[in-house]
Amino acid sequence: MRTKAQILQESSKAVVEAPKEAQQMIAHEYLMLEVFIDIRDTIHKACKDIQEAIWNMPDKD
């Protein structure tokens, strides 16, 4: 899984290398991708927190 920093670095390179008319579109697409990465990371953290909470639940006797 690529990190947010890797994707942002790739987006910067893509925007610089693109023709002028495509730069705005590419920048927007990578901004949306960044938002989805933030959502993915948030969901991933929440799942890990839930898993940890389940493991730390007291046993029912």
N, C-alpha and C. Protein backbone atom coordinates (compact mmCIF):
# COMPACT_ATOMS: atom_id res chain seq x y z
N MET A 1 0.85 -1.17 0.00
CA MET A 1 0.00 0.00 0.00
C MET A 1 0.90 1.24 0.00
N ARG A 2 0.62 2.14 -0.92
CA ARG A 2 1.43 3.35 -1.01
C ARG A 2 1.03 4.32 0.10
N THR A 3 2.02 5.06 0.57
CA THR A 3 1.75 6.04 1.62
C THR A 3 1.24 7.33 1.01
N LYS A 4 0.67 8.14 1.86
CA LYS A 4 0.17 9.43 1.41
C LYS A 4 1.31 10.28 0.82
N ALA A 5 2.47 10.24 1.45
CA ALA A 5 3.62 11.01 0.96
C ALA A 5 4.04 10.55 -0.43
N GLN A 6 4.03 9.23 -0.67
CA GLN A 6 4.40 8.71 -1.99
C GLN A 6 3.42 9.19 -3.05
N ILE A 7 2.14 9.15 -2.74
CA ILE A 7 1.13 9.56 -3.71
C ILE A 7 1.23 11.06 -3.98
N LEU A 8 1.46 11.85 -2.95
CA LEU A 8 1.60 13.29 -3.16
C LEU A 8 2.83 13.60 -4.01
N GLN A 9 3.91 12.87 -3.80
CA GLN A 9 5.12 13.07 -4.60
C GLN A 9 4.83 12.72 -6.07
N GLU A 10 4.12 11.65 -6.30
CA GLU A 10 3.77 11.25 -7.66
C GLU A 10 2.86 12.29 -8.30
N SER A 11 1.93 12.84 -7.52
CA SER A 11 1.01 13.83 -8.07
C SER A 11 1.76 15.09 -8.47
N SER A 12 2.71 15.51 -7.67
CA SER A 12 3.49 16.70 -7.99
C SER A 12 4.23 16.51 -9.30
N LYS A 13 4.83 15.35 -9.48
CA LYS A 13 5.57 15.05 -10.71
C LYS A 13 4.62 15.02 -11.90
N ALA A 14 3.45 14.40 -11.74
CA ALA A 14 2.48 14.31 -12.83
C ALA A 14 1.98 15.68 -13.25
N VAL A 15 1.73 16.55 -12.28
CA VAL A 15 1.22 17.89 -12.60
C VAL A 15 2.28 18.69 -13.36
N VAL A 16 3.53 18.61 -12.93
CA VAL A 16 4.60 19.37 -13.58
C VAL A 16 4.84 18.89 -15.01
N GLU A 17 4.74 17.58 -15.22
CA GLU A 17 5.03 17.01 -16.54
C GLU A 17 3.85 17.09 -17.51
N ALA A 18 2.67 17.39 -17.04
CA ALA A 18 1.47 17.39 -17.88
C ALA A 18 1.37 18.70 -18.68
N PRO A 19 0.65 18.62 -19.81
CA PRO A 19 0.37 19.87 -20.54
C PRO A 19 -0.45 20.81 -19.66
N LYS A 20 -0.34 22.08 -19.92
CA LYS A 20 -1.01 23.09 -19.08
C LYS A 20 -2.50 22.82 -18.90
N GLU A 21 -3.20 22.44 -19.98
CA GLU A 21 -4.65 22.24 -19.88
C GLU A 21 -5.02 21.04 -19.02
N ALA A 22 -4.10 20.11 -18.87
CA ALA A 22 -4.39 18.92 -18.06
C ALA A 22 -3.97 19.09 -16.60
N GLN A 23 -3.15 20.08 -16.30
CA GLN A 23 -2.63 20.22 -14.95
C GLN A 23 -3.71 20.42 -13.90
N GLN A 24 -4.70 21.25 -14.20
CA GLN A 24 -5.76 21.49 -13.23
C GLN A 24 -6.57 20.23 -12.98
N MET A 25 -6.86 19.48 -14.04
CA MET A 25 -7.62 18.24 -13.90
C MET A 25 -6.84 17.22 -13.07
N ILE A 26 -5.56 17.08 -13.36
CA ILE A 26 -4.73 16.12 -12.62
C ILE A 26 -4.64 16.52 -11.15
N ALA A 27 -4.44 17.80 -10.90
CA ALA A 27 -4.34 18.27 -9.51
C ALA A 27 -5.63 17.96 -8.76
N HIS A 28 -6.77 18.16 -9.40
CA HIS A 28 -8.06 17.88 -8.76
C HIS A 28 -8.21 16.39 -8.47
N GLU A 29 -7.84 15.55 -9.42
CA GLU A 29 -7.95 14.10 -9.22
C GLU A 29 -7.07 13.63 -8.07
N TYR A 30 -5.88 14.16 -7.97
CA TYR A 30 -5.00 13.76 -6.87
C TYR A 30 -5.48 14.31 -5.53
N LEU A 31 -6.13 15.47 -5.56
CA LEU A 31 -6.72 15.98 -4.33
C LEU A 31 -7.82 15.04 -3.85
N MET A 32 -8.65 14.59 -4.77
CA MET A 32 -9.70 13.63 -4.41
C MET A 32 -9.08 12.32 -3.91
N LEU A 33 -8.01 11.88 -4.54
CA LEU A 33 -7.32 10.68 -4.10
C LEU A 33 -6.78 10.85 -2.68
N GLU A 34 -6.26 12.03 -2.39
CA GLU A 34 -5.76 12.31 -1.04
C GLU A 34 -6.88 12.20 -0.01
N VAL A 35 -8.06 12.69 -0.37
CA VAL A 35 -9.21 12.59 0.53
C VAL A 35 -9.56 11.11 0.77
N PHE A 36 -9.57 10.32 -0.29
CA PHE A 36 -9.88 8.90 -0.13
C PHE A 36 -8.81 8.18 0.69
N ILE A 37 -7.56 8.58 0.55
CA ILE A 37 -6.49 7.98 1.35
C ILE A 37 -6.70 8.31 2.82
N ASP A 38 -7.10 9.56 3.12
CA ASP A 38 -7.38 9.93 4.51
C ASP A 38 -8.52 9.08 5.06
N ILE A 39 -9.55 8.87 4.25
CA ILE A 39 -10.69 8.04 4.68
C ILE A 39 -10.22 6.61 4.92
N ARG A 40 -9.41 6.07 4.00
CA ARG A 40 -8.88 4.70 4.15
C ARG A 40 -8.08 4.57 5.43
N ASP A 41 -7.22 5.55 5.68
CA ASP A 41 -6.38 5.50 6.88
C ASP A 41 -7.22 5.58 8.15
N THR A 42 -8.27 6.41 8.12
CA THR A 42 -9.16 6.54 9.27
C THR A 42 -9.90 5.22 9.54
N ILE A 43 -10.40 4.60 8.47
CA ILE A 43 -11.09 3.32 8.62
C ILE A 43 -10.13 2.25 9.13
N HIS A 44 -8.93 2.24 8.59
CA HIS A 44 -7.92 1.26 9.02
C HIS A 44 -7.62 1.41 10.51
N LYS A 45 -7.44 2.65 10.97
CA LYS A 45 -7.17 2.89 12.38
C LYS A 45 -8.36 2.47 13.24
N ALA A 46 -9.56 2.79 12.79
CA ALA A 46 -10.75 2.42 13.55
C ALA A 46 -10.87 0.90 13.67
N CYS A 47 -10.57 0.19 12.60
CA CYS A 47 -10.63 -1.28 12.65
C CYS A 47 -9.60 -1.83 13.63
N LYS A 48 -8.41 -1.25 13.62
CA LYS A 48 -7.38 -1.70 14.56
C LYS A 48 -7.81 -1.42 15.99
N ASP A 49 -8.42 -0.25 16.24
CA ASP A 49 -8.90 0.10 17.58
C ASP A 49 -9.99 -0.86 18.03
N ILE A 50 -10.90 -1.21 17.13
CA ILE A 50 -11.97 -2.15 17.46
C ILE A 50 -11.39 -3.52 17.77
N GLN A 51 -10.44 -3.96 16.93
CA GLN A 51 -9.81 -5.25 17.17
C GLN A 51 -9.12 -5.28 18.53
N GLU A 52 -8.41 -4.21 18.86
CA GLU A 52 -7.73 -4.14 20.16
C GLU A 52 -8.74 -4.16 21.31
N ALA A 53 -9.84 -3.43 21.13
CA ALA A 53 -10.87 -3.41 22.18
C ALA A 53 -11.47 -4.79 22.39
N ILE A 54 -11.67 -5.52 21.30
CA ILE A 54 -12.23 -6.88 21.41
C ILE A 54 -11.25 -7.79 22.14
N TRP A 55 -9.97 -7.69 21.79
CA TRP A 55 -8.96 -8.53 22.44
C TRP A 55 -8.84 -8.20 23.93
N ASN A 56 -9.09 -6.96 24.30
CA ASN A 56 -8.93 -6.55 25.69
C ASN A 56 -10.21 -6.67 26.52
N MET A 57 -11.27 -7.21 25.92
CA MET A 57 -12.52 -7.38 26.66
C MET A 57 -12.32 -8.43 27.75
N PRO A 58 -12.91 -8.18 28.90
CA PRO A 58 -12.80 -9.20 29.96
C PRO A 58 -13.55 -10.47 29.57
N ASP A 59 -13.04 -11.59 30.02
CA ASP A 59 -13.69 -12.88 29.73
C ASP A 59 -14.99 -13.00 30.51
N LYS A 60 -15.99 -13.60 29.86
CA LYS A 60 -17.25 -13.89 30.56
C LYS A 60 -17.12 -15.26 31.21
N ASP A 61 -17.31 -15.30 32.49
CA ASP A 61 -17.22 -16.59 33.19
C ASP A 61 -18.55 -17.00 33.76
